[in-house]
Protein backbone atom coordinates (compact mmCIF):
# COMPACT_ATOMS: atom_id res chain seq x y z
CA UNK A 1 0.00 0.00 0.00
CA UNK A 2 1.30 3.43 -0.98
CA UNK A 3 0.60 6.08 1.67
CA UNK A 4 1.37 9.73 0.98
CA UNK A 5 1.78 12.04 3.98
CA UNK A 6 1.53 15.73 3.11
CA UNK A 7 2.38 18.52 5.54
CA UNK A 8 3.66 22.07 5.58
CA UNK A 9 4.93 24.74 7.93
CA UNK A 10 7.28 22.95 10.38
CA UNK A 11 6.12 19.46 9.42
CA UNK A 12 5.50 18.35 12.99
CA UNK A 13 2.12 16.76 12.26
CA UNK A 14 3.58 14.93 9.26
CA UNK A 15 6.59 13.81 11.30
CA UNK A 16 4.34 12.36 14.00
CA UNK A 17 2.28 10.57 11.36
CA UNK A 18 5.37 9.12 9.67
CA UNK A 19 6.75 7.95 13.02
CA UNK A 20 3.51 6.22 14.07
CA UNK A 21 2.80 4.65 10.69
CA UNK A 22 6.39 3.37 10.42
CA UNK A 23 6.21 1.89 13.90
CA UNK A 24 2.88 0.14 13.40
CA UNK A 25 3.00 -1.07 9.78
CA UNK A 26 5.64 -3.06 7.93
CA UNK A 27 3.83 -3.45 4.61
CA UNK A 28 3.21 0.23 3.86
CA UNK A 29 5.37 2.44 1.66
CA UNK A 30 5.34 6.01 2.97
CA UNK A 31 6.04 8.95 0.70
CA UNK A 32 6.42 12.19 2.63
CA UNK A 33 5.74 15.40 0.74
CA UNK A 34 6.49 18.72 2.38
CA UNK A 35 5.18 22.01 1.09
CA UNK A 36 8.54 23.42 2.17
CA UNK A 37 12.02 22.07 2.93
CA UNK A 38 11.58 22.26 6.71
CA UNK A 39 8.45 20.11 6.62
CA UNK A 40 10.16 17.56 4.37
CA UNK A 41 13.22 17.49 6.62
CA UNK A 42 11.09 16.86 9.71
CA UNK A 43 9.36 13.92 8.04
CA UNK A 44 12.69 12.49 6.88
CA UNK A 45 14.06 12.70 10.42
CA UNK A 46 10.93 10.86 11.61
CA UNK A 47 11.77 7.92 9.34
CA UNK A 48 10.33 8.58 5.89
CA UNK A 49 12.42 6.82 3.26
CA UNK A 50 10.88 8.60 0.26
CA UNK A 51 10.42 12.34 0.40
CA UNK A 52 10.14 15.39 -1.81
CA UNK A 53 9.26 19.06 -1.52
CA UNK A 54 6.89 21.32 -3.36
CA UNK A 55 3.93 21.56 -5.67
CA UNK A 56 4.88 19.11 -8.42
CA UNK A 57 5.78 16.29 -5.99
CA UNK A 58 2.32 16.68 -4.40
CA UNK A 59 0.68 16.44 -7.82
CA UNK A 60 2.74 13.41 -8.89
CA UNK A 61 2.46 11.54 -5.56
CA UNK A 62 -1.31 11.94 -5.46
CA UNK A 63 -1.60 10.13 -8.80
CA UNK A 64 -0.26 6.84 -7.41
CA UNK A 65 -1.37 7.08 -3.78
CA UNK A 66 -3.68 4.54 -2.18
CA UNK A 67 -4.13 6.74 0.89
CA UNK A 68 -3.32 10.42 1.44
CA UNK A 69 -2.97 11.67 5.01
CA UNK A 70 -2.52 15.23 6.21
CA UNK A 71 -4.20 18.21 7.79
CA UNK A 72 -7.56 19.17 6.28
CA UNK A 73 -5.90 22.25 4.82
CA UNK A 74 -4.26 20.15 2.09
CA UNK A 75 -7.56 20.26 0.19
CA UNK A 76 -8.05 24.03 0.61
CA UNK A 77 -6.14 26.37 -1.69
CA UNK A 78 -4.11 29.04 0.13
CA UNK A 79 -4.37 27.26 3.49
CA UNK A 80 -1.41 26.49 5.78
CA UNK A 81 -0.62 30.20 5.64
CA UNK A 82 -0.62 30.15 1.84
CA UNK A 83 1.57 27.05 1.38
CA UNK A 84 -1.14 25.01 -0.35
CA UNK A 85 -1.47 26.08 -3.97
CA UNK A 86 -4.57 25.56 -6.09
CA UNK A 87 -2.76 22.75 -7.97
CA UNK A 88 -1.90 20.98 -4.71
CA UNK A 89 -5.46 21.18 -3.36
CA UNK A 90 -6.88 20.00 -6.69
CA UNK A 91 -4.42 17.09 -6.89
CA UNK A 92 -5.40 15.86 -3.43
CA UNK A 93 -9.10 16.38 -4.11
CA UNK A 94 -9.06 14.65 -7.52
CA UNK A 95 -6.92 11.72 -6.42
CA UNK A 96 -8.53 8.28 -6.43
CA UNK A 97 -6.86 7.69 -3.05
CA UNK A 98 -8.70 7.48 0.22
CA UNK A 99 -8.07 10.75 2.09
CA UNK A 100 -7.59 10.78 5.85
CA UNK A 101 -7.86 14.47 6.70
CA UNK A 102 -6.93 15.60 10.18
CA UNK A 103 -9.15 18.43 11.45
CA UNK A 104 -6.67 21.03 12.57
CA UNK A 105 -8.81 24.03 13.45
CA UNK A 106 -6.19 26.58 12.47
CA UNK A 107 -5.51 29.08 9.68
CA UNK A 108 -9.13 30.23 9.57
CA UNK A 109 -10.42 26.75 8.69
CA UNK A 110 -12.76 25.65 11.45
CA UNK A 111 -14.56 22.34 11.16
CA UNK A 112 -17.80 22.39 13.12
CA UNK A 113 -19.15 19.29 14.79
CA UNK A 114 -15.65 17.96 15.43
CA UNK A 115 -14.33 18.13 18.98
CA UNK A 116 -11.13 20.10 19.42
CA UNK A 117 -8.88 17.12 20.25
CA UNK A 118 -5.18 17.30 20.99
CA UNK A 119 -2.74 16.33 18.27
CA UNK A 120 -1.88 12.96 19.85
CA UNK A 121 -5.54 11.91 19.82
CA UNK A 122 -5.88 13.02 16.20
CA UNK A 123 -2.77 11.05 15.18
CA UNK A 124 -4.05 7.94 16.97
CA UNK A 125 -7.40 8.21 15.19
CA UNK A 126 -5.74 8.73 11.79
CA UNK A 127 -3.53 5.67 12.27
CA UNK A 128 -6.51 3.59 13.44
CA UNK A 129 -8.42 4.57 10.31
CA UNK A 130 -5.40 3.69 8.17
CA UNK A 131 -5.30 0.28 9.88
CA UNK A 132 -8.97 -0.29 9.02
CA UNK A 133 -8.25 0.54 5.37
CA UNK A 134 -5.12 -1.61 5.26
CA UNK A 135 -6.92 -4.61 6.76
CA UNK A 136 -9.98 -4.32 4.51
C-alpha atoms as a PDB file:
ATOM      1  CA  UNK A   1       0.000   0.000   0.000  1.00  0.00           C
ATOM      2  CA  UNK A   2       1.296   3.434  -0.976  1.00  0.00           C
ATOM      3  CA  UNK A   3       0.598   6.084   1.671  1.00  0.00           C
ATOM      4  CA  UNK A   4       1.372   9.732   0.980  1.00  0.00           C
ATOM      5  CA  UNK A   5       1.776  12.042   3.977  1.00  0.00           C
ATOM      6  CA  UNK A   6       1.526  15.731   3.110  1.00  0.00           C
ATOM      7  CA  UNK A   7       2.383  18.522   5.542  1.00  0.00           C
ATOM      8  CA  UNK A   8       3.661  22.066   5.582  1.00  0.00           C
ATOM      9  CA  UNK A   9       4.933  24.744   7.930  1.00  0.00           C
ATOM     10  CA  UNK A  10       7.277  22.949  10.381  1.00  0.00           C
ATOM     11  CA  UNK A  11       6.125  19.464   9.421  1.00  0.00           C
ATOM     12  CA  UNK A  12       5.499  18.349  12.991  1.00  0.00           C
ATOM     13  CA  UNK A  13       2.124  16.760  12.264  1.00  0.00           C
ATOM     14  CA  UNK A  14       3.584  14.927   9.260  1.00  0.00           C
ATOM     15  CA  UNK A  15       6.591  13.808  11.302  1.00  0.00           C
ATOM     16  CA  UNK A  16       4.341  12.356  14.001  1.00  0.00           C
ATOM     17  CA  UNK A  17       2.278  10.567  11.355  1.00  0.00           C
ATOM     18  CA  UNK A  18       5.369   9.118   9.665  1.00  0.00           C
ATOM     19  CA  UNK A  19       6.746   7.951  13.021  1.00  0.00           C
ATOM     20  CA  UNK A  20       3.505   6.225  14.073  1.00  0.00           C
ATOM     21  CA  UNK A  21       2.801   4.646  10.691  1.00  0.00           C
ATOM     22  CA  UNK A  22       6.390   3.372  10.417  1.00  0.00           C
ATOM     23  CA  UNK A  23       6.206   1.892  13.904  1.00  0.00           C
ATOM     24  CA  UNK A  24       2.878   0.142  13.396  1.00  0.00           C
ATOM     25  CA  UNK A  25       3.004  -1.066   9.777  1.00  0.00           C
ATOM     26  CA  UNK A  26       5.639  -3.063   7.934  1.00  0.00           C
ATOM     27  CA  UNK A  27       3.826  -3.452   4.614  1.00  0.00           C
ATOM     28  CA  UNK A  28       3.209   0.235   3.857  1.00  0.00           C
ATOM     29  CA  UNK A  29       5.373   2.440   1.659  1.00  0.00           C
ATOM     30  CA  UNK A  30       5.336   6.013   2.969  1.00  0.00           C
ATOM     31  CA  UNK A  31       6.038   8.947   0.704  1.00  0.00           C
ATOM     32  CA  UNK A  32       6.418  12.188   2.634  1.00  0.00           C
ATOM     33  CA  UNK A  33       5.742  15.401   0.740  1.00  0.00           C
ATOM     34  CA  UNK A  34       6.488  18.721   2.380  1.00  0.00           C
ATOM     35  CA  UNK A  35       5.180  22.006   1.090  1.00  0.00           C
ATOM     36  CA  UNK A  36       8.541  23.422   2.174  1.00  0.00           C
ATOM     37  CA  UNK A  37      12.015  22.067   2.933  1.00  0.00           C
ATOM     38  CA  UNK A  38      11.582  22.261   6.714  1.00  0.00           C
ATOM     39  CA  UNK A  39       8.453  20.107   6.618  1.00  0.00           C
ATOM     40  CA  UNK A  40      10.155  17.565   4.369  1.00  0.00           C
ATOM     41  CA  UNK A  41      13.222  17.491   6.617  1.00  0.00           C
ATOM     42  CA  UNK A  42      11.085  16.864   9.707  1.00  0.00           C
ATOM     43  CA  UNK A  43       9.362  13.922   8.045  1.00  0.00           C
ATOM     44  CA  UNK A  44      12.694  12.486   6.880  1.00  0.00           C
ATOM     45  CA  UNK A  45      14.060  12.697  10.425  1.00  0.00           C
ATOM     46  CA  UNK A  46      10.931  10.862  11.607  1.00  0.00           C
ATOM     47  CA  UNK A  47      11.767   7.923   9.343  1.00  0.00           C
ATOM     48  CA  UNK A  48      10.328   8.580   5.888  1.00  0.00           C
ATOM     49  CA  UNK A  49      12.417   6.821   3.257  1.00  0.00           C
ATOM     50  CA  UNK A  50      10.879   8.596   0.256  1.00  0.00           C
ATOM     51  CA  UNK A  51      10.415  12.343   0.403  1.00  0.00           C
ATOM     52  CA  UNK A  52      10.143  15.393  -1.807  1.00  0.00           C
ATOM     53  CA  UNK A  53       9.258  19.057  -1.521  1.00  0.00           C
ATOM     54  CA  UNK A  54       6.887  21.322  -3.360  1.00  0.00           C
ATOM     55  CA  UNK A  55       3.929  21.561  -5.674  1.00  0.00           C
ATOM     56  CA  UNK A  56       4.880  19.111  -8.418  1.00  0.00           C
ATOM     57  CA  UNK A  57       5.778  16.289  -5.991  1.00  0.00           C
ATOM     58  CA  UNK A  58       2.325  16.681  -4.403  1.00  0.00           C
ATOM     59  CA  UNK A  59       0.678  16.440  -7.822  1.00  0.00           C
ATOM     60  CA  UNK A  60       2.741  13.406  -8.887  1.00  0.00           C
ATOM     61  CA  UNK A  61       2.461  11.540  -5.562  1.00  0.00           C
ATOM     62  CA  UNK A  62      -1.314  11.942  -5.464  1.00  0.00           C
ATOM     63  CA  UNK A  63      -1.602  10.125  -8.798  1.00  0.00           C
ATOM     64  CA  UNK A  64      -0.259   6.844  -7.408  1.00  0.00           C
ATOM     65  CA  UNK A  65      -1.371   7.084  -3.776  1.00  0.00           C
ATOM     66  CA  UNK A  66      -3.681   4.544  -2.185  1.00  0.00           C
ATOM     67  CA  UNK A  67      -4.131   6.736   0.890  1.00  0.00           C
ATOM     68  CA  UNK A  68      -3.318  10.416   1.438  1.00  0.00           C
ATOM     69  CA  UNK A  69      -2.973  11.670   5.013  1.00  0.00           C
ATOM     70  CA  UNK A  70      -2.525  15.230   6.206  1.00  0.00           C
ATOM     71  CA  UNK A  71      -4.202  18.211   7.789  1.00  0.00           C
ATOM     72  CA  UNK A  72      -7.560  19.173   6.285  1.00  0.00           C
ATOM     73  CA  UNK A  73      -5.900  22.245   4.816  1.00  0.00           C
ATOM     74  CA  UNK A  74      -4.263  20.148   2.090  1.00  0.00           C
ATOM     75  CA  UNK A  75      -7.557  20.259   0.191  1.00  0.00           C
ATOM     76  CA  UNK A  76      -8.049  24.029   0.612  1.00  0.00           C
ATOM     77  CA  UNK A  77      -6.135  26.367  -1.692  1.00  0.00           C
ATOM     78  CA  UNK A  78      -4.111  29.036   0.128  1.00  0.00           C
ATOM     79  CA  UNK A  79      -4.365  27.257   3.493  1.00  0.00           C
ATOM     80  CA  UNK A  80      -1.413  26.490   5.777  1.00  0.00           C
ATOM     81  CA  UNK A  81      -0.624  30.202   5.645  1.00  0.00           C
ATOM     82  CA  UNK A  82      -0.615  30.147   1.843  1.00  0.00           C
ATOM     83  CA  UNK A  83       1.572  27.054   1.380  1.00  0.00           C
ATOM     84  CA  UNK A  84      -1.137  25.005  -0.348  1.00  0.00           C
ATOM     85  CA  UNK A  85      -1.465  26.077  -3.968  1.00  0.00           C
ATOM     86  CA  UNK A  86      -4.565  25.564  -6.085  1.00  0.00           C
ATOM     87  CA  UNK A  87      -2.762  22.752  -7.967  1.00  0.00           C
ATOM     88  CA  UNK A  88      -1.904  20.975  -4.709  1.00  0.00           C
ATOM     89  CA  UNK A  89      -5.455  21.182  -3.360  1.00  0.00           C
ATOM     90  CA  UNK A  90      -6.882  20.002  -6.690  1.00  0.00           C
ATOM     91  CA  UNK A  91      -4.421  17.090  -6.893  1.00  0.00           C
ATOM     92  CA  UNK A  92      -5.403  15.861  -3.433  1.00  0.00           C
ATOM     93  CA  UNK A  93      -9.101  16.380  -4.115  1.00  0.00           C
ATOM     94  CA  UNK A  94      -9.056  14.652  -7.520  1.00  0.00           C
ATOM     95  CA  UNK A  95      -6.922  11.719  -6.421  1.00  0.00           C
ATOM     96  CA  UNK A  96      -8.533   8.280  -6.430  1.00  0.00           C
ATOM     97  CA  UNK A  97      -6.864   7.695  -3.052  1.00  0.00           C
ATOM     98  CA  UNK A  98      -8.699   7.483   0.217  1.00  0.00           C
ATOM     99  CA  UNK A  99      -8.070  10.745   2.086  1.00  0.00           C
ATOM    100  CA  UNK A 100      -7.593  10.777   5.848  1.00  0.00           C
ATOM    101  CA  UNK A 101      -7.855  14.472   6.697  1.00  0.00           C
ATOM    102  CA  UNK A 102      -6.934  15.602  10.179  1.00  0.00           C
ATOM    103  CA  UNK A 103      -9.154  18.428  11.447  1.00  0.00           C
ATOM    104  CA  UNK A 104      -6.668  21.030  12.566  1.00  0.00           C
ATOM    105  CA  UNK A 105      -8.815  24.032  13.452  1.00  0.00           C
ATOM    106  CA  UNK A 106      -6.186  26.585  12.466  1.00  0.00           C
ATOM    107  CA  UNK A 107      -5.514  29.076   9.682  1.00  0.00           C
ATOM    108  CA  UNK A 108      -9.133  30.231   9.567  1.00  0.00           C
ATOM    109  CA  UNK A 109     -10.418  26.750   8.685  1.00  0.00           C
ATOM    110  CA  UNK A 110     -12.759  25.648  11.450  1.00  0.00           C
ATOM    111  CA  UNK A 111     -14.563  22.336  11.162  1.00  0.00           C
ATOM    112  CA  UNK A 112     -17.803  22.388  13.121  1.00  0.00           C
ATOM    113  CA  UNK A 113     -19.145  19.290  14.788  1.00  0.00           C
ATOM    114  CA  UNK A 114     -15.648  17.955  15.431  1.00  0.00           C
ATOM    115  CA  UNK A 115     -14.328  18.134  18.982  1.00  0.00           C
ATOM    116  CA  UNK A 116     -11.127  20.098  19.425  1.00  0.00           C
ATOM    117  CA  UNK A 117      -8.880  17.123  20.246  1.00  0.00           C
ATOM    118  CA  UNK A 118      -5.178  17.301  20.992  1.00  0.00           C
ATOM    119  CA  UNK A 119      -2.742  16.327  18.271  1.00  0.00           C
ATOM    120  CA  UNK A 120      -1.882  12.964  19.853  1.00  0.00           C
ATOM    121  CA  UNK A 121      -5.541  11.907  19.816  1.00  0.00           C
ATOM    122  CA  UNK A 122      -5.884  13.022  16.200  1.00  0.00           C
ATOM    123  CA  UNK A 123      -2.772  11.052  15.185  1.00  0.00           C
ATOM    124  CA  UNK A 124      -4.055   7.938  16.966  1.00  0.00           C
ATOM    125  CA  UNK A 125      -7.404   8.212  15.190  1.00  0.00           C
ATOM    126  CA  UNK A 126      -5.743   8.728  11.788  1.00  0.00           C
ATOM    127  CA  UNK A 127      -3.532   5.666  12.274  1.00  0.00           C
ATOM    128  CA  UNK A 128      -6.515   3.590  13.444  1.00  0.00           C
ATOM    129  CA  UNK A 129      -8.421   4.571  10.309  1.00  0.00           C
ATOM    130  CA  UNK A 130      -5.402   3.691   8.166  1.00  0.00           C
ATOM    131  CA  UNK A 131      -5.303   0.281   9.882  1.00  0.00           C
ATOM    132  CA  UNK A 132      -8.974  -0.295   9.022  1.00  0.00           C
ATOM    133  CA  UNK A 133      -8.253   0.545   5.368  1.00  0.00           C
ATOM    134  CA  UNK A 134      -5.115  -1.610   5.257  1.00  0.00           C
ATOM    135  CA  UNK A 135      -6.916  -4.611   6.759  1.00  0.00           C
ATOM    136  CA  UNK A 136      -9.977  -4.319   4.512  1.00  0.00           C
END
